Amino acid sequence: MSFKLSNIQQQKGIATKEKSEWSSILQKEIVLFGNGFSNKLKEDFYTELGVLLNAGVSLKEGLELLLNSQNKKATKDILEIVVADLIEGQSMSEAIRTHKAFTEYEYYSIKIGEETGTLAAVVKQLGAFFARKNQQRRDVVSALTYPIIVFSTAFLVVLFMLHFVVPMFQDIFKQNKVELPGITNFIISVSEFMKSYGLVIIFGMISLFASRFLFNKQEWYRRFKDSLLLKLPFFGNFIKTVYLSQFTQAIALLSASKVPVINSIQLVKKMIAFYPLQDALTSVEASILKGATLSESLASHPIFSDKMIALVKVAEQTNQTEFIFDRLNVQYHEQVQRQSKMMSTIMEPLIIVFVGVMVGIILIAMYLPMFKLGTVLGG
């Protein structure tokens, strides 16, 4: 079985051209606050719908049951419109096509299920996709939350010492005209700098954090942010692994629905909002259209590992694309879990050591002149 994505694209062509940039941004797969139909709700929605369809419940009845079980008004409003469209004779894919809460990946996947008679299997796969994605998000949040809290607390402690404790010692040293060692002069200079520009630095950090919400809809900002994240030591590799896990899972699901490779690349490129991966997939798509194999196309981009390229080459030779990408997804998912636990385990003592060193340097710098001060007072 196979389906022609070009036929679906022609049906959507006019509507797609009329969409504004604002609308296309809202349809991105990865969102921060959700749009009435969060990834967690989608996980439950598709999983439960798959169970109902496999149990012999009709699509309309299944959606009505899910509608009645919803407590969130925004979600109920969306499902009410979808059910109303179904009653008017539209297919489910057509019903969700105009809603910004659903992505193109979901539209095409459900369209595939309708054309091939495998809608129950497709919605079950969508539930599995969002379940894995939500788990990865929890892994990332779990790995970063505690280190960020500890580091923020440490920063405030050091800032307090530089702003209040160091000036107290500085006044004592000035009154007694004690000759200060180099490390003490350095800490005093840092303290004076923080007193003069501390509020500016704090305001700048808050502004930098707020810029995420102000400019997150701008392509140049997201492209810069994604490139910067990818270059961070250790974190960059972890983030890349998260997105490669999503990439391999999506290819596996599309391969199971008999979607051609080139069409799978096009869909995945639209659903994963990570520009280094999107740029690589754009190049991969162009290379495949020129006659190259998928493994050859992937090999020209460093974001794809040698192991993935070797296994994809095996998949091409054995016609086991779905199986190979599914195995790759399992491996990447396990790697994400290991790395998230490792970050939590390693970063905690590292931050504590860093804080201890910083506080120790400040205390040493302040107490070194005390020996000379004792000599002056004794004399």
Protein backbone atom coordinates (compact mmCIF):
# COMPACT_ATOMS: atom_id res chain seq x y z
CA MET A 1 0.00 0.00 0.00
CA SER A 2 1.16 3.55 -0.68
CA PHE A 3 -0.37 6.95 -0.98
CA LYS A 4 0.42 10.00 -3.06
CA LEU A 5 1.32 12.97 -0.95
CA SER A 6 1.20 15.20 -4.01
CA ASN A 7 -2.56 14.65 -4.29
CA ILE A 8 -3.08 15.78 -0.73
CA GLN A 9 -0.76 18.74 -1.21
CA GLN A 10 -2.74 19.87 -4.24
CA GLN A 11 -5.91 19.85 -2.15
CA LYS A 12 -4.17 21.99 0.46
CA GLY A 13 -2.28 24.19 -1.97
CA ILE A 14 -4.59 27.18 -2.10
CA ALA A 15 -5.22 27.24 1.63
CA THR A 16 -1.50 26.92 2.41
CA LYS A 17 -0.56 29.89 0.24
CA GLU A 18 -3.11 32.06 1.99
CA LYS A 19 -1.82 31.27 5.46
CA SER A 20 0.00 34.11 7.13
CA GLU A 21 3.38 33.83 8.79
CA TRP A 22 1.67 34.20 12.17
CA SER A 23 -0.57 31.19 11.46
CA SER A 24 2.32 29.02 10.33
CA ILE A 25 4.20 29.82 13.52
CA LEU A 26 1.21 28.80 15.61
CA GLN A 27 1.13 25.44 13.83
CA LYS A 28 4.63 24.47 14.90
CA GLU A 29 4.91 21.13 16.61
CA ILE A 30 6.88 22.22 19.68
CA VAL A 31 5.11 24.89 21.71
CA LEU A 32 5.76 26.33 25.16
CA PHE A 33 2.35 27.09 26.63
CA GLY A 34 0.09 25.02 24.35
CA ASN A 35 -2.78 26.22 22.19
CA GLY A 36 -5.80 24.52 23.75
CA PHE A 37 -4.58 21.08 22.64
CA SER A 38 -1.25 20.45 24.33
CA ASN A 39 1.01 17.50 23.59
CA LYS A 40 -0.14 15.81 26.81
CA LEU A 41 -3.79 16.14 25.75
CA LYS A 42 -2.89 14.84 22.30
CA GLU A 43 -1.22 11.81 23.85
CA ASP A 44 -4.40 10.96 25.75
CA PHE A 45 -6.67 11.89 22.85
CA TYR A 46 -5.01 9.71 20.21
CA THR A 47 -4.37 6.80 22.58
CA GLU A 48 -8.01 6.69 23.74
CA LEU A 49 -9.34 7.21 20.21
CA GLY A 50 -7.21 4.30 19.00
CA VAL A 51 -8.61 2.07 21.74
CA LEU A 52 -12.19 3.04 20.84
CA LEU A 53 -11.67 2.48 17.11
CA ASN A 54 -10.07 -0.92 17.73
CA ALA A 55 -13.06 -1.80 19.91
CA GLY A 56 -15.38 -1.25 16.95
CA VAL A 57 -16.70 2.19 17.93
CA SER A 58 -17.29 4.47 14.95
CA LEU A 59 -15.11 7.54 14.51
CA LYS A 60 -17.99 9.94 15.16
CA GLU A 61 -19.10 8.10 18.29
CA GLY A 62 -15.52 7.87 19.52
CA LEU A 63 -14.95 11.60 19.13
CA GLU A 64 -18.25 12.34 20.88
CA LEU A 65 -17.22 10.13 23.82
CA LEU A 66 -13.88 11.94 24.06
CA LEU A 67 -15.65 15.29 23.76
CA ASN A 68 -17.93 14.49 26.70
CA SER A 69 -14.96 13.44 28.82
CA GLN A 70 -13.07 16.73 28.38
CA ASN A 71 -12.98 19.29 31.16
CA LYS A 72 -10.95 21.98 29.42
CA LYS A 73 -13.19 24.41 27.53
CA ALA A 74 -10.66 25.18 24.78
CA THR A 75 -10.25 21.47 24.03
CA LYS A 76 -14.01 20.88 24.03
CA ASP A 77 -14.53 23.77 21.61
CA ILE A 78 -12.01 22.25 19.18
CA LEU A 79 -13.54 18.77 19.36
CA GLU A 80 -17.06 20.18 18.95
CA ILE A 81 -16.04 21.79 15.68
CA VAL A 82 -14.35 18.58 14.49
CA VAL A 83 -17.45 16.51 15.33
CA ALA A 84 -19.69 19.06 13.59
CA ASP A 85 -17.52 18.85 10.46
CA LEU A 86 -17.77 15.05 10.53
CA ILE A 87 -21.57 15.28 10.73
CA GLU A 88 -21.51 17.55 7.66
CA GLY A 89 -19.73 14.80 5.74
CA GLN A 90 -16.07 15.75 6.02
CA SER A 91 -13.34 13.25 6.81
CA MET A 92 -11.39 13.58 10.03
CA SER A 93 -8.30 14.84 8.20
CA GLU A 94 -10.36 17.55 6.52
CA ALA A 95 -11.98 18.41 9.86
CA ILE A 96 -8.64 19.02 11.62
CA ARG A 97 -6.92 20.65 8.66
CA THR A 98 -8.07 24.21 9.43
CA HIS A 99 -7.32 24.09 13.16
CA LYS A 100 -4.02 25.56 14.35
CA ALA A 101 -4.09 23.10 17.27
CA PHE A 102 -3.22 20.28 14.84
CA THR A 103 0.00 20.06 12.86
CA GLU A 104 0.53 19.09 9.26
CA TYR A 105 2.11 15.88 10.47
CA GLU A 106 -1.13 14.91 12.19
CA TYR A 107 -3.18 15.92 9.14
CA TYR A 108 -1.10 13.84 6.73
CA SER A 109 -0.88 10.88 9.11
CA ILE A 110 -4.65 10.73 9.54
CA LYS A 111 -5.12 11.25 5.81
CA ILE A 112 -2.86 8.24 5.25
CA GLY A 113 -4.92 6.17 7.68
CA GLU A 114 -8.15 7.11 5.92
CA GLU A 115 -6.80 6.30 2.45
CA THR A 116 -5.28 2.97 3.50
CA GLY A 117 -8.02 1.87 5.93
CA THR A 118 -5.62 1.87 8.88
CA LEU A 119 -6.97 4.87 10.81
CA ALA A 120 -7.08 2.97 14.12
CA ALA A 121 -3.41 1.98 13.77
CA VAL A 122 -2.40 5.49 12.75
CA VAL A 123 -4.05 7.25 15.70
CA LYS A 124 -2.48 4.64 18.01
CA GLN A 125 0.91 5.49 16.48
CA LEU A 126 0.23 9.19 16.98
CA GLY A 127 -0.53 8.49 20.63
CA ALA A 128 2.77 6.63 20.93
CA PHE A 129 4.61 9.50 19.25
CA PHE A 130 3.26 12.13 21.65
CA ALA A 131 3.78 9.81 24.63
CA ARG A 132 7.46 9.43 23.75
CA LYS A 133 7.80 13.14 23.06
CA ASN A 134 6.20 14.08 26.40
CA GLN A 135 8.50 11.64 28.19
CA GLN A 136 11.53 13.26 26.57
CA ARG A 137 10.31 16.68 27.60
CA ARG A 138 9.96 15.48 31.18
CA ASP A 139 13.48 14.05 31.01
CA VAL A 140 14.86 17.40 29.86
CA VAL A 141 12.98 19.37 32.51
CA SER A 142 13.99 16.90 35.22
CA ALA A 143 17.64 17.07 34.18
CA LEU A 144 17.84 20.86 34.12
CA THR A 145 15.50 22.05 36.88
CA TYR A 146 17.56 21.17 39.95
CA PRO A 147 20.94 22.37 38.55
CA ILE A 148 19.34 25.66 37.50
CA ILE A 149 17.85 26.18 40.97
CA VAL A 150 21.17 25.38 42.67
CA PHE A 151 23.15 27.58 40.31
CA SER A 152 20.71 30.49 40.74
CA THR A 153 20.95 30.20 44.52
CA ALA A 154 24.73 30.08 44.33
CA PHE A 155 24.80 33.14 42.13
CA LEU A 156 22.68 35.06 44.63
CA VAL A 157 24.96 33.98 47.51
CA VAL A 158 28.09 35.16 45.70
CA LEU A 159 26.31 38.38 44.69
CA PHE A 160 25.34 39.00 48.33
CA MET A 161 28.91 38.50 49.51
CA LEU A 162 30.32 40.83 46.86
CA HIS A 163 27.70 43.50 47.52
CA PHE A 164 27.59 43.48 51.33
CA VAL A 165 30.35 41.39 52.94
CA VAL A 166 33.35 42.51 50.89
CA PRO A 167 32.64 46.28 51.35
CA MET A 168 32.60 45.77 55.14
CA PHE A 169 36.11 44.31 55.07
CA GLN A 170 37.19 46.97 52.58
CA ASP A 171 36.26 49.76 55.02
CA ILE A 172 38.23 48.08 57.79
CA PHE A 173 41.30 47.76 55.59
CA LYS A 174 41.10 51.40 54.49
CA GLN A 175 40.76 52.70 58.03
CA ASN A 176 43.85 50.80 59.14
CA LYS A 177 45.79 51.45 55.91
CA VAL A 178 46.62 47.78 55.39
CA GLU A 179 48.54 46.86 52.26
CA LEU A 180 46.34 44.49 50.28
CA PRO A 181 47.51 41.44 48.29
CA GLY A 182 46.63 41.11 44.63
CA ILE A 183 43.78 38.64 45.11
CA THR A 184 42.12 40.97 47.63
CA ASN A 185 42.41 43.95 45.28
CA PHE A 186 40.87 41.84 42.53
CA ILE A 187 37.87 40.79 44.68
CA ILE A 188 37.40 44.40 45.81
CA SER A 189 37.43 45.53 42.17
CA VAL A 190 34.80 42.91 41.32
CA SER A 191 32.73 44.05 44.32
CA GLU A 192 32.90 47.71 43.22
CA PHE A 193 31.96 46.71 39.70
CA MET A 194 28.95 44.77 40.98
CA LYS A 195 27.88 47.69 43.17
CA SER A 196 28.05 50.02 40.18
CA TYR A 197 26.60 47.76 37.51
CA GLY A 198 24.92 44.94 39.46
CA LEU A 199 21.40 46.16 38.76
CA VAL A 200 22.25 46.61 35.10
CA ILE A 201 23.57 43.03 34.91
CA ILE A 202 20.50 41.61 36.66
CA PHE A 203 18.20 43.64 34.43
CA GLY A 204 20.14 42.44 31.39
CA MET A 205 19.76 38.80 32.45
CA ILE A 206 16.04 39.27 33.02
CA SER A 207 15.74 40.95 29.62
CA LEU A 208 17.65 38.10 27.99
CA PHE A 209 15.27 35.60 29.55
CA ALA A 210 12.23 37.68 28.57
CA SER A 211 13.50 37.93 24.99
CA ARG A 212 12.62 34.26 24.61
CA PHE A 213 8.95 35.14 24.88
CA LEU A 214 9.21 38.37 22.90
CA PHE A 215 11.19 37.05 19.93
CA ASN A 216 10.36 33.33 20.00
CA LYS A 217 8.05 33.81 17.02
CA GLN A 218 10.87 35.33 14.95
CA GLU A 219 12.72 32.92 12.68
CA TRP A 220 16.09 34.66 13.08
CA TYR A 221 15.89 34.36 16.88
CA ARG A 222 14.91 30.69 16.86
CA ARG A 223 17.60 29.91 14.29
CA PHE A 224 20.23 31.69 16.42
CA LYS A 225 18.98 30.00 19.61
CA ASP A 226 18.99 26.52 18.07
CA SER A 227 22.50 26.98 16.64
CA LEU A 228 23.77 28.23 20.00
CA LEU A 229 22.18 25.33 21.90
CA LEU A 230 23.79 22.83 19.55
CA LYS A 231 27.26 24.26 20.26
CA LEU A 232 26.97 24.08 24.06
CA PRO A 233 29.31 21.48 25.57
CA PHE A 234 27.44 18.32 26.62
CA PHE A 235 24.06 20.11 26.53
CA GLY A 236 24.34 20.45 22.75
CA ASN A 237 24.81 16.72 22.28
CA PHE A 238 21.93 16.01 24.65
CA ILE A 239 19.56 18.34 22.78
CA LYS A 240 20.64 16.88 19.44
CA THR A 241 19.89 13.38 20.74
CA VAL A 242 16.39 14.46 21.80
CA TYR A 243 15.56 15.73 18.31
CA LEU A 244 17.17 12.75 16.57
CA SER A 245 14.97 10.52 18.71
CA GLN A 246 11.90 12.43 17.48
CA PHE A 247 13.21 12.24 13.90
CA THR A 248 13.73 8.47 13.94
CA GLN A 249 10.37 7.85 15.60
CA ALA A 250 8.55 9.94 13.00
CA ILE A 251 10.31 8.16 10.11
CA ALA A 252 9.46 4.79 11.65
CA LEU A 253 5.78 5.71 11.99
CA LEU A 254 5.59 7.07 8.44
CA SER A 255 7.40 4.03 7.05
CA ALA A 256 4.84 1.80 8.78
CA SER A 257 2.15 3.68 6.82
CA LYS A 258 4.04 3.05 3.55
CA VAL A 259 4.89 6.70 3.00
CA PRO A 260 7.72 7.16 0.47
CA VAL A 261 11.06 8.29 1.92
CA ILE A 262 11.07 11.68 0.20
CA ASN A 263 7.56 12.45 1.48
CA SER A 264 8.54 11.31 4.97
CA ILE A 265 11.47 13.75 4.93
CA GLN A 266 9.14 16.56 3.87
CA LEU A 267 6.69 15.82 6.68
CA VAL A 268 9.31 15.43 9.40
CA LYS A 269 10.92 18.70 8.33
CA LYS A 270 7.60 20.46 8.99
CA MET A 271 6.88 18.83 12.32
CA ILE A 272 10.22 19.22 14.15
CA ALA A 273 10.98 22.87 14.89
CA PHE A 274 14.76 22.57 15.30
CA TYR A 275 16.55 24.53 12.60
CA PRO A 276 19.86 22.58 12.43
CA LEU A 277 17.84 19.42 11.77
CA GLN A 278 15.44 21.19 9.40
CA ASP A 279 18.32 22.64 7.37
CA ALA A 280 19.96 19.22 7.18
CA LEU A 281 16.70 17.60 6.04
CA THR A 282 16.22 20.25 3.38
CA SER A 283 19.63 19.33 1.98
CA VAL A 284 18.86 15.61 2.32
CA GLU A 285 15.62 16.09 0.38
CA ALA A 286 17.43 17.89 -2.43
CA SER A 287 20.10 15.21 -2.55
CA ILE A 288 17.53 12.39 -2.78
CA LEU A 289 15.72 14.19 -5.59
CA LYS A 290 19.03 14.24 -7.47
CA GLY A 291 19.28 10.47 -7.24
CA ALA A 292 21.30 9.87 -4.07
CA THR A 293 20.26 7.28 -1.51
CA LEU A 294 19.06 8.25 1.95
CA SER A 295 22.23 6.99 3.62
CA GLU A 296 24.42 8.94 1.17
CA SER A 297 22.36 12.07 1.77
CA LEU A 298 22.55 11.74 5.56
CA ALA A 299 26.31 11.15 5.45
CA SER A 300 26.99 14.71 4.29
CA HIS A 301 25.64 16.25 7.52
CA PRO A 302 27.44 16.02 10.89
CA ILE A 303 24.17 16.12 12.84
CA PHE A 304 23.58 12.50 11.81
CA SER A 305 25.84 9.94 13.49
CA ASP A 306 27.93 7.34 11.65
CA LYS A 307 25.95 4.63 13.40
CA MET A 308 22.66 5.98 12.02
CA ILE A 309 24.10 6.24 8.52
CA ALA A 310 25.42 2.65 8.64
CA LEU A 311 22.08 1.28 9.87
CA VAL A 312 20.13 3.26 7.27
CA LYS A 313 22.37 1.78 4.59
CA VAL A 314 21.51 -1.69 5.92
CA ALA A 315 17.81 -0.74 5.88
CA GLU A 316 18.05 0.24 2.21
CA GLN A 317 19.70 -3.05 1.31
CA THR A 318 17.25 -5.21 3.27
CA ASN A 319 14.10 -3.11 2.81
CA GLN A 320 13.67 -2.88 6.60
CA THR A 321 13.33 0.89 6.95
CA GLU A 322 10.55 0.76 9.53
CA PHE A 323 12.36 -1.79 11.72
CA ILE A 324 15.75 -0.04 11.57
CA PHE A 325 14.36 3.41 12.39
CA ASP A 326 12.29 1.92 15.19
CA ARG A 327 15.43 0.37 16.68
CA LEU A 328 17.29 3.66 16.26
CA ASN A 329 14.46 5.45 18.05
CA VAL A 330 14.64 3.03 20.97
CA GLN A 331 18.40 3.55 21.21
CA TYR A 332 18.15 7.34 21.06
CA HIS A 333 15.35 7.36 23.63
CA GLU A 334 17.41 5.25 26.01
CA GLN A 335 20.37 7.54 25.38
CA VAL A 336 18.24 10.59 26.25
CA GLN A 337 17.20 8.97 29.52
CA ARG A 338 20.79 8.05 30.40
CA GLN A 339 22.12 11.50 29.58
CA SER A 340 19.36 13.25 31.52
CA LYS A 341 20.14 11.18 34.62
CA MET A 342 23.85 11.74 34.10
CA MET A 343 23.35 15.51 33.91
CA SER A 344 21.41 15.51 37.16
CA THR A 345 24.03 13.32 38.83
CA ILE A 346 27.13 15.12 37.60
CA MET A 347 26.01 18.73 37.54
CA GLU A 348 24.88 18.81 41.18
CA PRO A 349 28.34 18.15 42.71
CA LEU A 350 30.03 20.27 40.03
CA ILE A 351 27.88 23.28 40.90
CA ILE A 352 28.45 22.72 44.62
CA VAL A 353 32.22 22.55 44.05
CA PHE A 354 32.05 25.69 41.90
CA VAL A 355 30.14 27.55 44.62
CA GLY A 356 32.56 26.33 47.27
CA VAL A 357 35.54 27.52 45.25
CA MET A 358 33.99 30.94 44.63
CA VAL A 359 33.07 31.45 48.29
CA GLY A 360 36.48 30.12 49.36
CA ILE A 361 38.33 32.57 47.10
CA ILE A 362 36.32 35.48 48.50
CA LEU A 363 36.97 34.43 52.10
CA ILE A 364 40.69 33.87 51.50
CA ALA A 365 40.95 37.25 49.79
CA MET A 366 39.28 38.91 52.78
CA TYR A 367 41.20 37.08 55.52
CA LEU A 368 44.70 37.34 54.06
CA PRO A 369 44.99 41.05 54.95
CA MET A 370 43.76 40.25 58.48
CA PHE A 371 47.21 38.88 59.35
CA LYS A 372 48.80 42.17 58.38
CA LEU A 373 46.03 43.98 60.22
CA GLY A 374 46.91 42.02 63.37
CA THR A 375 50.53 43.08 62.94
CA VAL A 376 49.54 46.74 62.56
CA LEU A 377 47.29 46.64 65.63
CA GLY A 378 49.90 44.75 67.63
CA GLY A 379 52.56 47.29 66.72
